[in-house]
Amino acid sequence: MRRWVLVVGCVLAGCAFLYATDTHNEMIAKEVFTRVFAGGETSLVDQLYAPNYHDNYPGNDAPGPYGREFVKQAARGWKRAFPDLAIAFNNVVSDGDKVVVHWTATGTQKGPLGDLPASGRHASLPGITIFRFEHGKIAEEWTVFDRANLMHQLTL
């Protein structure tokens, strides 16, 4: 009987550890959106992202690497373009070292976005980001959203 209780206790303790890890990774993923991008706290990037971080940025012709400085520049650019940027979490799912975030960003374009001058238009942009974690920090990322739809909303 004691062995059975010990085995069950270890299994439950292991499950609690996995849950705590997933919760920690989910918290970091959410902080990226709420504090770094929407809040403009780019100083947090070095705390949340691993030194060897790599962003698998689709649709960009510029040579990489896309490391932590890329995240800081991207966050500054989005915040400059959309000072009222808000990000809602539609769904957050974690499994081991990965966290998937289905998000919707909203804001009014009051500054330039790349070559596009401020339009004063409100936009809503859904997207999905997959984060991979190493040692409690983001090591790799994939983000996709509909750029054409965003440009359509801003240039009507």
Protein backbone atom coordinates (compact mmCIF):
# COMPACT_ATOMS: atom_id res chain seq x y z
CA MET A 1 0.00 0.00 0.00
CA ARG A 2 2.83 2.41 0.83
CA ARG A 3 4.45 1.88 -2.58
CA TRP A 4 1.18 2.70 -4.32
CA VAL A 5 0.77 5.92 -2.33
CA LEU A 6 4.38 6.87 -3.13
CA VAL A 7 3.88 6.23 -6.86
CA VAL A 8 0.62 8.18 -6.94
CA GLY A 9 2.27 11.03 -4.99
CA CYS A 10 5.20 11.17 -7.44
CA VAL A 11 2.88 11.14 -10.43
CA LEU A 12 0.83 13.95 -8.93
CA ALA A 13 3.96 15.92 -8.03
CA GLY A 14 5.26 15.48 -11.59
CA CYS A 15 1.96 16.68 -13.01
CA ALA A 16 2.04 19.70 -10.72
CA PHE A 17 5.57 20.52 -11.92
CA LEU A 18 4.54 20.28 -15.57
CA TYR A 19 1.50 22.45 -14.93
CA ALA A 20 3.62 25.03 -13.12
CA THR A 21 6.11 25.09 -16.01
CA ASP A 22 3.35 25.57 -18.57
CA THR A 23 1.81 28.32 -16.47
CA HIS A 24 5.19 30.08 -16.17
CA ASN A 25 5.77 29.90 -19.92
CA GLU A 26 2.24 31.15 -20.62
CA MET A 27 2.82 34.07 -18.25
CA ILE A 28 6.02 35.03 -20.09
CA ALA A 29 4.28 34.75 -23.47
CA LYS A 30 1.49 37.05 -22.28
CA GLU A 31 4.01 39.54 -20.89
CA VAL A 32 5.57 39.82 -24.35
CA PHE A 33 2.26 41.04 -25.73
CA THR A 34 0.99 43.12 -22.82
CA ARG A 35 4.18 44.66 -21.47
CA VAL A 36 6.67 44.63 -24.37
CA PHE A 37 4.43 45.31 -27.39
CA ALA A 38 1.34 47.03 -25.97
CA GLY A 39 3.16 48.56 -22.99
CA GLY A 40 6.36 49.54 -24.78
CA GLU A 41 8.60 48.01 -22.08
CA THR A 42 11.36 46.90 -24.45
CA SER A 43 13.84 46.69 -21.56
CA LEU A 44 12.09 43.42 -20.60
CA VAL A 45 13.21 41.71 -23.82
CA ASP A 46 16.61 40.74 -22.37
CA GLN A 47 14.87 39.18 -19.35
CA LEU A 48 12.19 37.26 -21.27
CA TYR A 49 14.20 36.11 -24.31
CA ALA A 50 17.21 33.79 -24.35
CA PRO A 51 20.53 35.28 -25.56
CA ASN A 52 20.45 32.92 -28.57
CA TYR A 53 16.82 33.78 -29.42
CA HIS A 54 15.80 33.41 -33.06
CA ASP A 55 12.64 34.83 -34.64
CA ASN A 56 11.48 32.83 -37.66
CA TYR A 57 10.06 35.92 -39.33
CA PRO A 58 8.11 34.96 -42.47
CA GLY A 59 7.89 37.18 -45.51
CA ASN A 60 10.98 39.27 -44.82
CA ASP A 61 13.65 39.57 -47.49
CA ALA A 62 16.19 41.26 -45.20
CA PRO A 63 19.01 39.04 -43.96
CA GLY A 64 18.78 37.90 -40.35
CA PRO A 65 19.50 37.10 -37.68
CA TYR A 66 16.30 38.10 -35.99
CA GLY A 67 17.36 38.16 -32.35
CA ARG A 68 16.46 40.20 -29.30
CA GLU A 69 17.28 43.53 -30.98
CA PHE A 70 14.80 42.65 -33.73
CA VAL A 71 12.08 42.17 -31.08
CA LYS A 72 12.92 45.52 -29.47
CA GLN A 73 12.79 47.32 -32.83
CA ALA A 74 9.54 45.60 -33.80
CA ALA A 75 7.90 46.49 -30.46
CA ARG A 76 9.00 50.12 -30.76
CA GLY A 77 7.68 50.28 -34.33
CA TRP A 78 4.25 48.85 -33.45
CA LYS A 79 3.94 51.12 -30.40
CA ARG A 80 4.96 54.18 -32.43
CA ALA A 81 2.38 53.34 -35.11
CA PHE A 82 -0.36 52.39 -32.63
CA PRO A 83 0.14 54.27 -29.33
CA ASP A 84 -3.16 52.85 -28.03
CA LEU A 85 -2.20 49.28 -28.96
CA ALA A 86 -4.14 46.66 -27.00
CA ILE A 87 -3.78 42.92 -27.32
CA ALA A 88 -6.48 40.42 -26.34
CA PHE A 89 -5.82 36.72 -25.87
CA ASN A 90 -8.32 34.59 -27.77
CA ASN A 91 -6.66 31.33 -26.77
CA VAL A 92 -3.42 30.28 -25.09
CA VAL A 93 -2.30 26.66 -25.22
CA SER A 94 0.91 25.23 -23.83
CA ASP A 95 2.56 21.86 -24.19
CA GLY A 96 6.00 21.23 -22.77
CA ASP A 97 8.41 23.81 -24.14
CA LYS A 98 5.89 25.43 -26.52
CA VAL A 99 3.18 28.04 -26.00
CA VAL A 100 0.73 28.94 -28.76
CA VAL A 101 -1.06 32.28 -28.48
CA HIS A 102 -4.02 33.21 -30.67
CA TRP A 103 -4.27 36.97 -30.21
CA THR A 104 -6.04 40.03 -31.57
CA ALA A 105 -4.28 43.39 -31.61
CA THR A 106 -6.32 46.58 -31.93
CA GLY A 107 -5.35 50.21 -32.15
CA THR A 108 -5.49 53.48 -34.04
CA GLN A 109 -2.65 54.20 -36.42
CA LYS A 110 -1.34 57.58 -35.27
CA GLY A 111 2.24 57.08 -36.45
CA PRO A 112 4.03 55.59 -39.46
CA LEU A 113 4.02 51.84 -39.95
CA GLY A 114 7.01 51.12 -42.13
CA ASP A 115 6.51 53.25 -45.24
CA LEU A 116 2.80 53.78 -44.52
CA PRO A 117 2.12 57.22 -43.01
CA ALA A 118 -0.30 57.65 -40.11
CA SER A 119 -3.86 57.13 -41.30
CA GLY A 120 -5.82 57.84 -38.14
CA ARG A 121 -7.74 54.63 -38.80
CA HIS A 122 -8.58 51.98 -36.24
CA ALA A 123 -7.45 48.44 -37.09
CA SER A 124 -8.03 44.97 -35.70
CA LEU A 125 -5.40 42.34 -36.42
CA PRO A 126 -5.71 38.69 -35.40
CA GLY A 127 -2.60 36.54 -35.34
CA ILE A 128 -0.97 33.44 -33.97
CA THR A 129 2.41 33.18 -32.28
CA ILE A 130 4.23 30.02 -31.31
CA PHE A 131 6.94 30.41 -28.68
CA ARG A 132 9.55 27.74 -27.86
CA PHE A 133 11.17 28.00 -24.44
CA GLU A 134 14.57 26.96 -23.11
CA HIS A 135 15.38 27.29 -19.41
CA GLY A 136 12.38 29.54 -18.79
CA LYS A 137 13.12 32.00 -21.60
CA ILE A 138 11.87 32.36 -25.16
CA ALA A 139 14.37 30.73 -27.50
CA GLU A 140 12.43 30.72 -30.76
CA GLU A 141 9.27 32.25 -32.19
CA TRP A 142 6.95 32.01 -35.19
CA THR A 143 4.30 34.70 -35.73
CA VAL A 144 1.76 34.90 -38.54
CA PHE A 145 -0.92 37.48 -39.26
CA ASP A 146 -2.71 38.80 -42.32
CA ARG A 147 -0.60 41.78 -43.43
CA ALA A 148 -2.79 42.37 -46.50
CA ASN A 149 -5.89 42.71 -44.31
CA LEU A 150 -4.08 45.17 -42.04
CA MET A 151 -2.99 47.29 -45.02
CA HIS A 152 -6.55 47.18 -46.37
CA GLN A 153 -7.92 48.49 -43.06
CA LEU A 154 -5.36 51.30 -42.91
CA THR A 155 -5.61 52.46 -46.54
CA LEU A 156 -9.38 52.35 -47.24
